[in-house]
Amino acid sequence: MTPATIEILNAIERLPNLEQHQLIVTLLRRMPAIEIDELRDEELVACAEAIFLELDQEEARSTKLEG
């Protein structure tokens, strides 16, 4: 990403949640329809694996704090 894009993202993150939501809705409405290629099975499996690994790590951290 360009520095200008990163600055825009940082500015958006500083907005209150409601304004972030309103901005995203407006941007999506203004964007032209784009074609997105379907994900391959390997890509879906990799995404699922990453999610489950993150959940396992969060559970392990939570268990350490409780124990």
N, C-alpha and C. Protein backbone atom coordinates (compact mmCIF):
# COMPACT_ATOMS: atom_id res chain seq x y z
N MET A 1 0.84 -1.19 0.00
CA MET A 1 0.00 0.00 0.00
C MET A 1 0.88 1.24 0.00
N THR A 2 0.35 2.28 -0.56
CA THR A 2 1.09 3.53 -0.60
C THR A 2 0.98 4.23 0.76
N PRO A 3 1.89 5.14 1.06
CA PRO A 3 1.79 5.89 2.31
C PRO A 3 0.46 6.64 2.44
N ALA A 4 -0.05 7.15 1.33
CA ALA A 4 -1.33 7.88 1.38
C ALA A 4 -2.47 6.94 1.78
N THR A 5 -2.45 5.73 1.25
CA THR A 5 -3.48 4.75 1.60
C THR A 5 -3.39 4.37 3.06
N ILE A 6 -2.19 4.17 3.55
CA ILE A 6 -1.99 3.82 4.95
C ILE A 6 -2.49 4.94 5.85
N GLU A 7 -2.23 6.19 5.48
CA GLU A 7 -2.71 7.33 6.27
C GLU A 7 -4.23 7.37 6.30
N ILE A 8 -4.86 7.09 5.16
CA ILE A 8 -6.33 7.05 5.12
C ILE A 8 -6.85 5.97 6.07
N LEU A 9 -6.24 4.79 6.02
CA LEU A 9 -6.67 3.71 6.92
C LEU A 9 -6.49 4.10 8.39
N ASN A 10 -5.37 4.73 8.70
CA ASN A 10 -5.14 5.18 10.08
C ASN A 10 -6.19 6.20 10.51
N ALA A 11 -6.54 7.11 9.61
CA ALA A 11 -7.56 8.11 9.93
C ALA A 11 -8.91 7.44 10.16
N ILE A 12 -9.22 6.44 9.36
CA ILE A 12 -10.49 5.72 9.53
C ILE A 12 -10.53 5.02 10.88
N GLU A 13 -9.41 4.41 11.27
CA GLU A 13 -9.35 3.71 12.55
C GLU A 13 -9.54 4.65 13.74
N ARG A 14 -9.24 5.92 13.56
CA ARG A 14 -9.42 6.89 14.65
C ARG A 14 -10.86 7.37 14.78
N LEU A 15 -11.69 7.08 13.78
CA LEU A 15 -13.10 7.49 13.83
C LEU A 15 -13.87 6.65 14.83
N PRO A 16 -14.94 7.20 15.39
CA PRO A 16 -15.83 6.39 16.23
C PRO A 16 -16.42 5.25 15.39
N ASN A 17 -16.81 4.16 16.06
CA ASN A 17 -17.32 2.98 15.36
C ASN A 17 -18.48 3.30 14.42
N LEU A 18 -19.41 4.14 14.85
CA LEU A 18 -20.56 4.45 14.00
C LEU A 18 -20.12 5.13 12.71
N GLU A 19 -19.18 6.06 12.81
CA GLU A 19 -18.70 6.75 11.62
C GLU A 19 -17.92 5.80 10.71
N GLN A 20 -17.17 4.88 11.30
CA GLN A 20 -16.47 3.87 10.49
C GLN A 20 -17.48 3.06 9.69
N HIS A 21 -18.54 2.63 10.36
CA HIS A 21 -19.58 1.84 9.71
C HIS A 21 -20.23 2.63 8.57
N GLN A 22 -20.58 3.87 8.85
CA GLN A 22 -21.22 4.70 7.82
C GLN A 22 -20.30 4.91 6.62
N LEU A 23 -19.03 5.11 6.88
CA LEU A 23 -18.06 5.30 5.80
C LEU A 23 -17.95 4.04 4.95
N ILE A 24 -17.85 2.89 5.59
CA ILE A 24 -17.72 1.63 4.85
C ILE A 24 -18.95 1.39 3.99
N VAL A 25 -20.12 1.61 4.54
CA VAL A 25 -21.36 1.43 3.77
C VAL A 25 -21.36 2.35 2.55
N THR A 26 -20.98 3.60 2.75
CA THR A 26 -20.95 4.56 1.64
C THR A 26 -19.94 4.14 0.58
N LEU A 27 -18.76 3.72 1.00
CA LEU A 27 -17.75 3.28 0.03
C LEU A 27 -18.23 2.07 -0.77
N LEU A 28 -18.84 1.12 -0.10
CA LEU A 28 -19.32 -0.07 -0.81
C LEU A 28 -20.42 0.27 -1.81
N ARG A 29 -21.26 1.22 -1.46
CA ARG A 29 -22.32 1.63 -2.39
C ARG A 29 -21.75 2.33 -3.62
N ARG A 30 -20.67 3.05 -3.45
CA ARG A 30 -20.09 3.81 -4.56
C ARG A 30 -19.16 2.98 -5.45
N MET A 31 -18.68 1.87 -4.93
CA MET A 31 -17.74 1.06 -5.71
C MET A 31 -18.46 0.33 -6.83
N PRO A 32 -17.82 0.26 -7.97
CA PRO A 32 -18.42 -0.53 -9.05
C PRO A 32 -18.33 -2.01 -8.70
N ALA A 33 -19.21 -2.79 -9.27
CA ALA A 33 -19.17 -4.23 -9.03
C ALA A 33 -17.86 -4.78 -9.58
N ILE A 34 -17.21 -5.60 -8.80
CA ILE A 34 -15.96 -6.21 -9.24
C ILE A 34 -16.11 -7.72 -9.21
N GLU A 35 -15.44 -8.36 -10.13
CA GLU A 35 -15.47 -9.81 -10.16
C GLU A 35 -14.35 -10.34 -9.27
N ILE A 36 -14.69 -11.30 -8.46
CA ILE A 36 -13.72 -11.93 -7.58
C ILE A 36 -13.68 -13.41 -7.93
N ASP A 37 -12.49 -13.90 -8.19
CA ASP A 37 -12.36 -15.32 -8.50
C ASP A 37 -12.74 -16.16 -7.28
N GLU A 38 -13.31 -17.32 -7.55
CA GLU A 38 -13.65 -18.22 -6.46
C GLU A 38 -12.38 -18.73 -5.80
N LEU A 39 -12.46 -18.93 -4.49
CA LEU A 39 -11.32 -19.47 -3.78
C LEU A 39 -11.18 -20.96 -4.08
N ARG A 40 -9.95 -21.39 -4.21
CA ARG A 40 -9.69 -22.82 -4.40
C ARG A 40 -9.80 -23.51 -3.05
N ASP A 41 -10.02 -24.82 -3.08
CA ASP A 41 -10.14 -25.58 -1.84
C ASP A 41 -8.91 -25.40 -0.95
N GLU A 42 -7.73 -25.37 -1.56
CA GLU A 42 -6.50 -25.22 -0.79
C GLU A 42 -6.47 -23.89 -0.05
N GLU A 43 -6.97 -22.85 -0.69
CA GLU A 43 -7.00 -21.53 -0.06
C GLU A 43 -7.99 -21.51 1.10
N LEU A 44 -9.15 -22.14 0.91
CA LEU A 44 -10.14 -22.21 1.98
C LEU A 44 -9.60 -22.98 3.18
N VAL A 45 -8.93 -24.10 2.91
CA VAL A 45 -8.36 -24.91 3.99
C VAL A 45 -7.30 -24.11 4.74
N ALA A 46 -6.45 -23.39 4.02
CA ALA A 46 -5.41 -22.58 4.66
C ALA A 46 -6.02 -21.50 5.54
N CYS A 47 -7.09 -20.86 5.07
CA CYS A 47 -7.77 -19.83 5.87
C CYS A 47 -8.38 -20.45 7.13
N ALA A 48 -9.04 -21.58 6.97
CA ALA A 48 -9.65 -22.24 8.12
C ALA A 48 -8.59 -22.65 9.13
N GLU A 49 -7.48 -23.18 8.64
CA GLU A 49 -6.40 -23.60 9.53
C GLU A 49 -5.85 -22.41 10.32
N ALA A 50 -5.65 -21.29 9.66
CA ALA A 50 -5.15 -20.09 10.34
C ALA A 50 -6.12 -19.62 11.42
N ILE A 51 -7.40 -19.67 11.12
CA ILE A 51 -8.41 -19.26 12.10
C ILE A 51 -8.39 -20.18 13.31
N PHE A 52 -8.37 -21.49 13.07
CA PHE A 52 -8.37 -22.44 14.18
C PHE A 52 -7.10 -22.34 15.01
N LEU A 53 -5.96 -22.11 14.37
CA LEU A 53 -4.72 -21.94 15.13
C LEU A 53 -4.79 -20.71 16.02
N GLU A 54 -5.33 -19.62 15.51
CA GLU A 54 -5.48 -18.40 16.31
C GLU A 54 -6.43 -18.64 17.48
N LEU A 55 -7.53 -19.35 17.23
CA LEU A 55 -8.46 -19.66 18.32
C LEU A 55 -7.81 -20.53 19.38
N ASP A 56 -7.00 -21.51 18.96
CA ASP A 56 -6.28 -22.36 19.91
C ASP A 56 -5.32 -21.53 20.76
N GLN A 57 -4.62 -20.59 20.12
CA GLN A 57 -3.69 -19.74 20.86
C GLN A 57 -4.43 -18.86 21.86
N GLU A 58 -5.56 -18.30 21.46
CA GLU A 58 -6.35 -17.47 22.38
C GLU A 58 -6.85 -18.30 23.56
N GLU A 59 -7.29 -19.52 23.28
CA GLU A 59 -7.77 -20.40 24.35
C GLU A 59 -6.64 -20.74 25.31
N ALA A 60 -5.45 -21.01 24.78
CA ALA A 60 -4.30 -21.32 25.62
C ALA A 60 -3.93 -20.13 26.50
N ARG A 61 -3.94 -18.92 25.93
CA ARG A 61 -3.65 -17.72 26.73
C ARG A 61 -4.70 -17.52 27.82
N SER A 62 -5.94 -17.74 27.48
CA SER A 62 -7.03 -17.58 28.43
C SER A 62 -6.91 -18.58 29.57
N THR A 63 -6.55 -19.81 29.24
CA THR A 63 -6.39 -20.86 30.25
C THR A 63 -5.25 -20.52 31.19
N LYS A 64 -4.14 -19.98 30.66
CA LYS A 64 -3.01 -19.59 31.49
C LYS A 64 -3.41 -18.50 32.48
N LEU A 65 -4.20 -17.54 32.03
CA LEU A 65 -4.62 -16.45 32.90
C LEU A 65 -5.55 -16.93 34.00
N GLU A 66 -6.38 -17.92 33.70
CA GLU A 66 -7.33 -18.44 34.69
C GLU A 66 -6.65 -19.36 35.68
N GLY A 67 -5.61 -20.08 35.25
CA GLY A 67 -4.99 -21.10 36.06
C GLY A 67 -3.90 -20.57 36.88
